[in-house]
Amino acid sequence: MPILTNKDITVNHLEKTHIPTLAKWLSDPRVLEFYEGRDNPFDEEKVEQEFFTKWEKGVHPCIVKWKGEPIGYIQFYKLDEATRSLYKLHGDTPVRYGIDQFIGEPGYWGQGIGQLLVSSMTDYLFETKKAGAVVMDPQAENHRALACYEKCGYKKVRFLPKHEWHEGAYRDCWLIEKRAGS
């Protein structure tokens, strides 16, 4: 049963049958450049180890379909106190969620699908999970992703220097946020 459907996008919980598809995407250097790093390819065993233990950590891993075809991945999770502290998010919004996603089929890049996906998941978290805010921490150099998120109403909240290990170096990121009702 889908978690959400909006126009031609469907999001379902990840299943073991998706392992070969994720392994294909996460061994493609074009995808890895922006997610996990080109020096960190995944095979099926690594996909199973990494993605099917996320439930234990409160992360909901999902497959994204466009017109019924798997094209990407998204995960959502309620921010725990450690993450809220890392991001210096205290007080005013009690329920915050985070999301991470990628379109694994490069032929679908640049068509507005990512924008529809991010907007749809954000709305789902506001409406169904009663999130007060949703956050992401994209790399500062990922201009295409940042432009997409800004079109979805996300705002830069805080610069995170040397926040994420990616391809042999710590990379700067932005903490971005969209608040319910904005």
N, C-alpha and C. Protein backbone atom coordinates (compact mmCIF):
# COMPACT_ATOMS: atom_id res chain seq x y z
N MET A 1 0.84 -1.18 0.00
CA MET A 1 0.00 0.00 0.00
C MET A 1 0.89 1.25 0.00
N PRO A 2 0.64 2.19 -0.89
CA PRO A 2 1.49 3.39 -0.96
C PRO A 2 1.39 4.25 0.29
N ILE A 3 2.51 4.85 0.65
CA ILE A 3 2.54 5.85 1.71
C ILE A 3 1.89 7.12 1.19
N LEU A 4 2.25 7.47 -0.04
CA LEU A 4 1.64 8.64 -0.65
C LEU A 4 1.63 8.48 -2.16
N THR A 5 0.66 9.13 -2.77
CA THR A 5 0.54 9.21 -4.21
C THR A 5 0.16 10.64 -4.55
N ASN A 6 0.86 11.23 -5.50
CA ASN A 6 0.54 12.58 -5.96
C ASN A 6 0.87 12.64 -7.45
N LYS A 7 -0.17 12.80 -8.25
CA LYS A 7 -0.03 12.80 -9.70
C LYS A 7 0.63 11.49 -10.11
N ASP A 8 1.81 11.55 -10.73
CA ASP A 8 2.45 10.34 -11.23
C ASP A 8 3.48 9.75 -10.27
N ILE A 9 3.61 10.33 -9.08
CA ILE A 9 4.57 9.86 -8.06
C ILE A 9 3.86 8.95 -7.07
N THR A 10 4.51 7.83 -6.77
CA THR A 10 4.04 6.93 -5.71
C THR A 10 5.24 6.62 -4.83
N VAL A 11 5.05 6.64 -3.52
CA VAL A 11 6.09 6.30 -2.56
C VAL A 11 5.61 5.12 -1.74
N ASN A 12 6.41 4.04 -1.74
CA ASN A 12 6.11 2.83 -0.97
C ASN A 12 7.28 2.51 -0.05
N HIS A 13 7.01 1.81 1.03
CA HIS A 13 8.10 1.32 1.88
C HIS A 13 9.02 0.42 1.06
N LEU A 14 10.30 0.50 1.36
CA LEU A 14 11.30 -0.31 0.69
C LEU A 14 11.09 -1.79 1.02
N GLU A 15 11.24 -2.63 0.02
CA GLU A 15 11.13 -4.08 0.20
C GLU A 15 12.39 -4.75 -0.33
N LYS A 16 12.60 -5.99 0.07
CA LYS A 16 13.80 -6.73 -0.37
C LYS A 16 13.87 -6.85 -1.89
N THR A 17 12.73 -6.84 -2.56
CA THR A 17 12.72 -6.94 -4.02
C THR A 17 13.36 -5.71 -4.68
N HIS A 18 13.54 -4.62 -3.92
CA HIS A 18 14.14 -3.40 -4.46
C HIS A 18 15.67 -3.41 -4.35
N ILE A 19 16.25 -4.41 -3.71
CA ILE A 19 17.70 -4.44 -3.51
C ILE A 19 18.47 -4.32 -4.82
N PRO A 20 18.17 -5.11 -5.87
CA PRO A 20 18.95 -4.97 -7.11
C PRO A 20 18.84 -3.56 -7.73
N THR A 21 17.69 -2.95 -7.63
CA THR A 21 17.51 -1.61 -8.19
C THR A 21 18.34 -0.59 -7.43
N LEU A 22 18.32 -0.65 -6.10
CA LEU A 22 19.14 0.27 -5.30
C LEU A 22 20.62 0.05 -5.56
N ALA A 23 21.03 -1.20 -5.68
CA ALA A 23 22.44 -1.50 -5.96
C ALA A 23 22.85 -0.93 -7.32
N LYS A 24 21.97 -1.00 -8.29
CA LYS A 24 22.25 -0.42 -9.62
C LYS A 24 22.46 1.08 -9.49
N TRP A 25 21.53 1.77 -8.81
CA TRP A 25 21.64 3.21 -8.66
C TRP A 25 22.88 3.61 -7.87
N LEU A 26 23.15 2.86 -6.78
CA LEU A 26 24.24 3.24 -5.88
C LEU A 26 25.58 2.67 -6.30
N SER A 27 25.66 2.22 -7.54
CA SER A 27 26.95 1.90 -8.14
C SER A 27 27.17 2.77 -9.39
N ASP A 28 26.25 3.67 -9.67
CA ASP A 28 26.33 4.58 -10.80
C ASP A 28 27.06 5.85 -10.34
N PRO A 29 28.23 6.17 -10.91
CA PRO A 29 28.98 7.35 -10.48
C PRO A 29 28.20 8.65 -10.59
N ARG A 30 27.25 8.74 -11.53
CA ARG A 30 26.46 9.97 -11.67
C ARG A 30 25.57 10.18 -10.45
N VAL A 31 25.06 9.11 -9.89
CA VAL A 31 24.23 9.20 -8.68
C VAL A 31 25.12 9.38 -7.45
N LEU A 32 26.19 8.60 -7.39
CA LEU A 32 27.08 8.65 -6.23
C LEU A 32 27.77 10.00 -6.05
N GLU A 33 27.89 10.76 -7.11
CA GLU A 33 28.49 12.08 -7.00
C GLU A 33 27.74 12.94 -5.98
N PHE A 34 26.45 12.69 -5.85
CA PHE A 34 25.62 13.50 -4.96
C PHE A 34 25.10 12.74 -3.74
N TYR A 35 25.17 11.42 -3.75
CA TYR A 35 24.62 10.61 -2.65
C TYR A 35 25.60 9.49 -2.35
N GLU A 36 26.22 9.52 -1.22
CA GLU A 36 27.15 8.52 -0.71
C GLU A 36 28.58 8.69 -1.20
N GLY A 37 28.82 9.19 -2.41
CA GLY A 37 30.17 9.41 -2.92
C GLY A 37 30.61 8.34 -3.91
N ARG A 38 31.33 8.79 -4.94
CA ARG A 38 31.79 7.87 -5.98
C ARG A 38 32.81 6.86 -5.47
N ASP A 39 33.41 7.16 -4.32
CA ASP A 39 34.36 6.23 -3.70
C ASP A 39 33.65 5.24 -2.77
N ASN A 40 32.32 5.22 -2.79
CA ASN A 40 31.55 4.39 -1.87
C ASN A 40 30.41 3.67 -2.59
N PRO A 41 30.74 2.89 -3.65
CA PRO A 41 29.68 2.19 -4.37
C PRO A 41 29.08 1.06 -3.52
N PHE A 42 27.84 0.71 -3.86
CA PHE A 42 27.10 -0.33 -3.15
C PHE A 42 26.89 -1.54 -4.06
N ASP A 43 27.04 -2.72 -3.48
CA ASP A 43 26.57 -3.93 -4.15
C ASP A 43 25.30 -4.37 -3.40
N GLU A 44 24.70 -5.47 -3.82
CA GLU A 44 23.44 -5.89 -3.20
C GLU A 44 23.60 -6.19 -1.71
N GLU A 45 24.70 -6.79 -1.33
CA GLU A 45 24.93 -7.11 0.09
C GLU A 45 25.00 -5.84 0.93
N LYS A 46 25.71 -4.84 0.43
CA LYS A 46 25.84 -3.58 1.17
C LYS A 46 24.49 -2.86 1.24
N VAL A 47 23.71 -2.91 0.17
CA VAL A 47 22.37 -2.30 0.20
C VAL A 47 21.54 -2.95 1.30
N GLU A 48 21.56 -4.27 1.35
CA GLU A 48 20.77 -4.97 2.37
C GLU A 48 21.23 -4.58 3.77
N GLN A 49 22.54 -4.54 3.99
CA GLN A 49 23.07 -4.20 5.32
C GLN A 49 22.74 -2.76 5.72
N GLU A 50 22.86 -1.83 4.78
CA GLU A 50 22.69 -0.42 5.09
C GLU A 50 21.23 0.02 5.14
N PHE A 51 20.43 -0.46 4.20
CA PHE A 51 19.08 0.08 4.05
C PHE A 51 18.03 -0.69 4.84
N PHE A 52 18.30 -1.93 5.18
CA PHE A 52 17.28 -2.72 5.88
C PHE A 52 17.53 -2.78 7.38
N THR A 53 18.45 -1.97 7.87
CA THR A 53 18.61 -1.79 9.32
C THR A 53 18.14 -0.40 9.74
N LYS A 54 17.73 0.41 8.78
CA LYS A 54 17.30 1.78 9.09
C LYS A 54 16.07 1.81 9.98
N TRP A 55 15.17 0.82 9.81
CA TRP A 55 13.95 0.78 10.62
C TRP A 55 14.29 0.81 12.11
N GLU A 56 15.38 0.10 12.46
CA GLU A 56 15.78 0.02 13.87
C GLU A 56 16.15 1.40 14.42
N LYS A 57 16.55 2.32 13.54
CA LYS A 57 16.96 3.65 13.95
C LYS A 57 15.84 4.68 13.78
N GLY A 58 14.64 4.21 13.47
CA GLY A 58 13.50 5.11 13.30
C GLY A 58 13.41 5.75 11.93
N VAL A 59 14.19 5.25 10.98
CA VAL A 59 14.18 5.78 9.62
C VAL A 59 13.24 4.94 8.77
N HIS A 60 12.47 5.60 7.93
CA HIS A 60 11.52 4.91 7.04
C HIS A 60 12.06 4.97 5.61
N PRO A 61 12.73 3.91 5.14
CA PRO A 61 13.26 3.90 3.78
C PRO A 61 12.17 3.55 2.78
N CYS A 62 12.14 4.29 1.66
CA CYS A 62 11.06 4.14 0.69
C CYS A 62 11.59 4.17 -0.74
N ILE A 63 10.86 3.50 -1.61
CA ILE A 63 11.14 3.52 -3.04
C ILE A 63 10.18 4.52 -3.69
N VAL A 64 10.68 5.24 -4.67
CA VAL A 64 9.89 6.24 -5.39
C VAL A 64 9.61 5.70 -6.78
N LYS A 65 8.35 5.74 -7.18
CA LYS A 65 7.97 5.32 -8.53
C LYS A 65 7.38 6.50 -9.28
N TRP A 66 7.70 6.55 -10.56
CA TRP A 66 7.14 7.54 -11.48
C TRP A 66 6.38 6.77 -12.54
N LYS A 67 5.09 6.98 -12.60
CA LYS A 67 4.23 6.25 -13.54
C LYS A 67 4.45 4.74 -13.43
N GLY A 68 4.62 4.28 -12.17
CA GLY A 68 4.74 2.86 -11.88
C GLY A 68 6.14 2.29 -11.97
N GLU A 69 7.11 3.07 -12.46
CA GLU A 69 8.50 2.59 -12.60
C GLU A 69 9.36 3.12 -11.47
N PRO A 70 10.15 2.26 -10.81
CA PRO A 70 11.05 2.74 -9.77
C PRO A 70 12.11 3.68 -10.35
N ILE A 71 12.20 4.87 -9.78
CA ILE A 71 13.18 5.85 -10.27
C ILE A 71 14.01 6.47 -9.16
N GLY A 72 13.66 6.23 -7.89
CA GLY A 72 14.40 6.90 -6.84
C GLY A 72 14.11 6.36 -5.45
N TYR A 73 14.72 7.03 -4.50
CA TYR A 73 14.68 6.63 -3.11
C TYR A 73 14.40 7.87 -2.26
N ILE A 74 13.65 7.69 -1.18
CA ILE A 74 13.45 8.74 -0.18
C ILE A 74 13.33 8.08 1.18
N GLN A 75 13.83 8.76 2.20
CA GLN A 75 13.65 8.29 3.57
C GLN A 75 13.22 9.46 4.43
N PHE A 76 12.44 9.14 5.45
CA PHE A 76 12.02 10.18 6.40
C PHE A 76 12.18 9.64 7.80
N TYR A 77 12.36 10.56 8.75
CA TYR A 77 12.62 10.18 10.14
C TYR A 77 12.34 11.37 11.04
N LYS A 78 11.86 11.05 12.22
CA LYS A 78 11.65 12.08 13.24
C LYS A 78 13.02 12.40 13.84
N LEU A 79 13.34 13.68 13.95
CA LEU A 79 14.63 14.07 14.50
C LEU A 79 14.68 13.73 15.99
N ASP A 80 15.74 13.05 16.37
CA ASP A 80 15.94 12.74 17.78
C ASP A 80 16.67 13.91 18.45
N GLU A 81 16.81 13.84 19.75
CA GLU A 81 17.43 14.94 20.50
C GLU A 81 18.87 15.17 20.08
N ALA A 82 19.61 14.10 19.80
CA ALA A 82 21.01 14.25 19.40
C ALA A 82 21.12 15.03 18.09
N THR A 83 20.25 14.73 17.14
CA THR A 83 20.27 15.43 15.86
C THR A 83 19.81 16.87 16.02
N ARG A 84 18.76 17.07 16.84
CA ARG A 84 18.31 18.44 17.10
C ARG A 84 19.43 19.27 17.73
N SER A 85 20.19 18.66 18.62
CA SER A 85 21.30 19.35 19.26
C SER A 85 22.41 19.65 18.26
N LEU A 86 22.73 18.68 17.41
CA LEU A 86 23.75 18.88 16.37
C LEU A 86 23.39 20.06 15.48
N TYR A 87 22.13 20.17 15.12
CA TYR A 87 21.65 21.24 14.26
C TYR A 87 21.31 22.53 15.03
N LYS A 88 21.42 22.48 16.35
CA LYS A 88 21.08 23.62 17.22
C LYS A 88 19.62 24.02 17.04
N LEU A 89 18.76 23.02 17.02
CA LEU A 89 17.31 23.23 16.88
C LEU A 89 16.67 22.92 18.23
N HIS A 90 16.25 23.95 18.89
CA HIS A 90 15.68 23.77 20.22
C HIS A 90 14.39 24.57 20.33
N GLY A 91 13.49 24.07 21.12
CA GLY A 91 12.38 24.88 21.55
C GLY A 91 11.12 24.94 20.72
N ASP A 92 11.06 25.86 19.80
CA ASP A 92 9.78 26.32 19.27
C ASP A 92 8.96 25.31 18.48
N THR A 93 9.55 24.32 17.86
CA THR A 93 8.79 23.36 17.06
C THR A 93 9.05 21.96 17.61
N PRO A 94 8.10 21.38 18.33
CA PRO A 94 8.35 20.10 19.00
C PRO A 94 8.51 18.92 18.06
N VAL A 95 7.85 18.92 16.91
CA VAL A 95 7.93 17.76 16.02
C VAL A 95 8.63 18.18 14.73
N ARG A 96 9.83 17.67 14.54
CA ARG A 96 10.60 17.94 13.32
C ARG A 96 10.95 16.61 12.67
N TYR A 97 10.87 16.59 11.37
CA TYR A 97 11.27 15.43 10.59
C TYR A 97 12.39 15.83 9.64
N GLY A 98 13.18 14.84 9.26
CA GLY A 98 14.20 15.02 8.24
C GLY A 98 13.88 14.12 7.06
N ILE A 99 14.32 14.53 5.89
CA ILE A 99 14.19 13.70 4.69
C ILE A 99 15.50 13.72 3.91
N ASP A 100 15.76 12.64 3.21
CA ASP A 100 16.89 12.51 2.30
C ASP A 100 16.36 11.76 1.08
N GLN A 101 16.82 12.13 -0.09
CA GLN A 101 16.29 11.49 -1.29
C GLN A 101 17.26 11.63 -2.45
N PHE A 102 17.03 10.80 -3.46
CA PHE A 102 17.73 10.95 -4.73
C PHE A 102 16.89 10.32 -5.83
N ILE A 103 17.06 10.85 -7.03
CA ILE A 103 16.50 10.22 -8.23
C ILE A 103 17.63 9.35 -8.77
N GLY A 104 17.42 8.05 -8.80
CA GLY A 104 18.47 7.11 -9.19
C GLY A 104 18.58 6.88 -10.68
N GLU A 105 17.61 7.33 -11.43
CA GLU A 105 17.62 7.19 -12.89
C GLU A 105 17.93 8.56 -13.50
N PRO A 106 19.18 8.80 -13.91
CA PRO A 106 19.56 10.12 -14.42
C PRO A 106 18.70 10.63 -15.58
N GLY A 107 18.09 9.76 -16.34
CA GLY A 107 17.20 10.19 -17.41
C GLY A 107 15.99 10.96 -16.92
N TYR A 108 15.72 10.89 -15.63
CA TYR A 108 14.58 11.61 -15.04
C TYR A 108 15.00 12.91 -14.36
N TRP A 109 16.29 13.22 -14.38
CA TRP A 109 16.77 14.46 -13.78
C TRP A 109 16.31 15.65 -14.62
N GLY A 110 16.11 16.77 -13.96
CA GLY A 110 15.82 18.01 -14.66
C GLY A 110 14.41 18.12 -15.22
N GLN A 111 13.49 17.30 -14.74
CA GLN A 111 12.12 17.31 -15.27
C GLN A 111 11.09 17.76 -14.23
N GLY A 112 11.56 18.21 -13.06
CA GLY A 112 10.64 18.65 -12.02
C GLY A 112 10.12 17.53 -11.13
N ILE A 113 10.59 16.31 -11.35
CA ILE A 113 10.11 15.16 -10.56
C ILE A 113 10.61 15.27 -9.13
N GLY A 114 11.86 15.69 -8.95
CA GLY A 114 12.40 15.86 -7.60
C GLY A 114 11.61 16.89 -6.82
N GLN A 115 11.22 17.95 -7.47
CA GLN A 115 10.43 18.99 -6.82
C GLN A 115 9.07 18.44 -6.39
N LEU A 116 8.43 17.67 -7.27
CA LEU A 116 7.14 17.07 -6.92
C LEU A 116 7.32 16.08 -5.76
N LEU A 117 8.40 15.30 -5.78
CA LEU A 117 8.67 14.33 -4.72
C LEU A 117 8.87 15.03 -3.38
N VAL A 118 9.74 16.03 -3.34
CA VAL A 118 10.04 16.72 -2.08
C VAL A 118 8.80 17.44 -1.55
N SER A 119 8.07 18.11 -2.42
CA SER A 119 6.84 18.80 -1.99
C SER A 119 5.81 17.81 -1.46
N SER A 120 5.66 16.69 -2.15
CA SER A 120 4.68 15.68 -1.74
C SER A 120 5.03 15.07 -0.39
N MET A 121 6.31 14.72 -0.19
CA MET A 121 6.72 14.12 1.08
C MET A 121 6.61 15.14 2.20
N THR A 122 6.98 16.38 1.93
CA THR A 122 6.87 17.43 2.95
C THR A 122 5.42 17.60 3.38
N ASP A 123 4.52 17.68 2.41
CA ASP A 123 3.09 17.80 2.73
C ASP A 123 2.59 16.59 3.52
N TYR A 124 3.04 15.40 3.13
CA TYR A 124 2.66 14.17 3.85
C TYR A 124 3.10 14.27 5.33
N LEU A 125 4.32 14.72 5.55
CA LEU A 125 4.82 14.81 6.93
C LEU A 125 4.06 15.87 7.73
N PHE A 126 3.69 16.97 7.10
CA PHE A 126 2.90 17.99 7.80
C PHE A 126 1.50 17.46 8.12
N GLU A 127 0.88 16.84 7.15
CA GLU A 127 -0.52 16.43 7.31
C GLU A 127 -0.69 15.13 8.09
N THR A 128 0.11 14.14 7.80
CA THR A 128 -0.07 12.81 8.40
C THR A 128 0.71 12.63 9.69
N LYS A 129 1.93 13.11 9.72
CA LYS A 129 2.79 12.94 10.90
C LYS A 129 2.77 14.15 11.82
N LYS A 130 2.03 15.19 11.41
CA LYS A 130 1.88 16.41 12.22
C LYS A 130 3.21 17.09 12.51
N ALA A 131 4.12 17.04 11.54
CA ALA A 131 5.41 17.71 11.68
C ALA A 131 5.19 19.22 11.76
N GLY A 132 5.96 19.86 12.60
CA GLY A 132 5.94 21.32 12.66
C GLY A 132 6.95 21.92 11.70
N ALA A 133 7.96 21.10 11.34
CA ALA A 133 8.99 21.54 10.39
C ALA A 133 9.65 20.29 9.81
N VAL A 134 10.19 20.45 8.61
CA VAL A 134 10.95 19.39 7.94
C VAL A 134 12.29 19.98 7.54
N VAL A 135 13.36 19.23 7.77
CA VAL A 135 14.71 19.71 7.50
C VAL A 135 15.47 18.76 6.57
N MET A 136 16.50 19.32 5.94
CA MET A 136 17.47 18.57 5.15
C MET A 136 18.82 19.24 5.33
N ASP A 137 19.90 18.53 4.98
CA ASP A 137 21.24 19.12 5.09
C ASP A 137 22.06 18.83 3.83
N PRO A 138 21.64 19.37 2.68
CA PRO A 138 22.37 19.12 1.43
C PRO A 138 23.74 19.79 1.44
N GLN A 139 24.64 19.21 0.65
CA GLN A 139 25.96 19.81 0.51
C GLN A 139 25.84 21.19 -0.14
N ALA A 140 26.63 22.13 0.33
CA ALA A 140 26.58 23.50 -0.16
C ALA A 140 26.88 23.59 -1.66
N GLU A 141 27.65 22.67 -2.18
CA GLU A 141 28.02 22.69 -3.60
C GLU A 141 26.98 22.00 -4.49
N ASN A 142 25.96 21.42 -3.92
CA ASN A 142 24.93 20.74 -4.70
C ASN A 142 23.85 21.78 -5.09
N HIS A 143 24.23 22.66 -6.02
CA HIS A 143 23.40 23.80 -6.39
C HIS A 143 22.06 23.36 -6.99
N ARG A 144 22.07 22.28 -7.77
CA ARG A 144 20.82 21.82 -8.39
C ARG A 144 19.83 21.39 -7.32
N ALA A 145 20.29 20.63 -6.31
CA ALA A 145 19.41 20.19 -5.23
C ALA A 145 18.91 21.39 -4.42
N LEU A 146 19.80 22.30 -4.09
CA LEU A 146 19.39 23.48 -3.31
C LEU A 146 18.34 24.29 -4.06
N ALA A 147 18.50 24.45 -5.36
CA ALA A 147 17.51 25.19 -6.15
C ALA A 147 16.16 24.48 -6.11
N CYS A 148 16.18 23.15 -6.22
CA CYS A 148 14.94 22.37 -6.14
C CYS A 148 14.26 22.59 -4.79
N TYR A 149 15.02 22.48 -3.71
CA TYR A 149 14.44 22.59 -2.38
C TYR A 149 13.89 24.00 -2.13
N GLU A 150 14.60 25.01 -2.63
CA GLU A 150 14.11 26.37 -2.47
C GLU A 150 12.80 26.56 -3.23
N LYS A 151 12.65 25.94 -4.39
CA LYS A 151 11.39 26.01 -5.13
C LYS A 151 10.25 25.36 -4.34
N CYS A 152 10.61 24.41 -3.48
CA CYS A 152 9.62 23.73 -2.64
C CYS A 152 9.31 24.51 -1.36
N GLY A 153 9.94 25.66 -1.17
CA GLY A 153 9.66 26.50 -0.01
C GLY A 153 10.64 26.34 1.15
N TYR A 154 11.71 25.58 0.97
CA TYR A 154 12.71 25.42 2.02
C TYR A 154 13.59 26.67 2.07
N LYS A 155 14.00 27.01 3.28
CA LYS A 155 14.86 28.17 3.51
C LYS A 155 16.15 27.73 4.20
N LYS A 156 17.24 28.39 3.85
CA LYS A 156 18.52 28.14 4.53
C LYS A 156 18.42 28.65 5.96
N VAL A 157 18.78 27.79 6.90
CA VAL A 157 18.70 28.13 8.32
C VAL A 157 20.09 28.34 8.91
N ARG A 158 21.02 27.45 8.55
CA ARG A 158 22.34 27.50 9.17
C ARG A 158 23.36 26.84 8.25
N PHE A 159 24.51 27.48 8.11
CA PHE A 159 25.63 26.90 7.37
C PHE A 159 26.30 25.89 8.29
N LEU A 160 26.61 24.72 7.76
CA LEU A 160 27.22 23.63 8.54
C LEU A 160 28.60 23.33 7.96
N PRO A 161 29.64 24.00 8.44
CA PRO A 161 30.98 23.77 7.87
C PRO A 161 31.49 22.36 8.17
N LYS A 162 32.12 21.77 7.15
CA LYS A 162 32.74 20.44 7.29
C LYS A 162 31.80 19.45 7.98
N HIS A 163 30.59 19.38 7.49
CA HIS A 163 29.52 18.61 8.13
C HIS A 163 29.45 17.16 7.68
N GLU A 164 29.78 16.87 6.42
CA GLU A 164 29.55 15.53 5.88
C GLU A 164 30.80 15.00 5.18
N TRP A 165 31.19 13.78 5.53
CA TRP A 165 32.32 13.13 4.87
C TRP A 165 31.84 12.64 3.51
N HIS A 166 32.50 13.10 2.45
CA HIS A 166 32.08 12.75 1.09
C HIS A 166 33.31 12.76 0.18
N GLU A 167 33.59 11.63 -0.41
CA GLU A 167 34.68 11.48 -1.37
C GLU A 167 36.02 11.97 -0.81
N GLY A 168 36.33 11.52 0.40
CA GLY A 168 37.65 11.76 0.98
C GLY A 168 37.86 13.08 1.69
N ALA A 169 36.79 13.86 1.88
CA ALA A 169 36.93 15.14 2.58
C ALA A 169 35.62 15.49 3.27
N TYR A 170 35.75 16.32 4.31
CA TYR A 170 34.54 16.84 4.94
C TYR A 170 34.00 17.97 4.07
N ARG A 171 32.70 17.92 3.81
CA ARG A 171 32.04 18.90 2.93
C ARG A 171 31.13 19.81 3.75
N ASP A 172 31.08 21.05 3.31
CA ASP A 172 30.16 22.02 3.90
C ASP A 172 28.74 21.70 3.45
N CYS A 173 27.79 21.94 4.32
CA CYS A 173 26.38 21.70 4.02
C CYS A 173 25.56 22.89 4.49
N TRP A 174 24.33 22.91 4.08
CA TRP A 174 23.35 23.87 4.57
C TRP A 174 22.26 23.10 5.32
N LEU A 175 21.89 23.59 6.47
CA LEU A 175 20.68 23.12 7.12
C LEU A 175 19.56 23.95 6.52
N ILE A 176 18.60 23.27 5.89
CA ILE A 176 17.45 23.97 5.31
C ILE A 176 16.20 23.45 5.97
N GLU A 177 15.17 24.28 5.97
CA GLU A 177 13.95 23.93 6.71
C GLU A 177 12.74 24.52 6.02
N LYS A 178 11.65 23.79 6.14
CA LYS A 178 10.33 24.32 5.78
C LYS A 178 9.43 24.08 6.98
N ARG A 179 8.74 25.12 7.38
CA ARG A 179 7.83 25.03 8.52
C ARG A 179 6.40 24.84 8.04
N ALA A 180 5.64 24.13 8.82
CA ALA A 180 4.23 23.93 8.51
C ALA A 180 3.56 25.30 8.39
N GLY A 181 2.71 25.43 7.39
CA GLY A 181 1.98 26.67 7.18
C GLY A 181 2.75 27.74 6.42
N SER A 182 3.98 27.43 6.03
CA SER A 182 4.75 28.46 5.29
C SER A 182 4.71 28.22 3.80
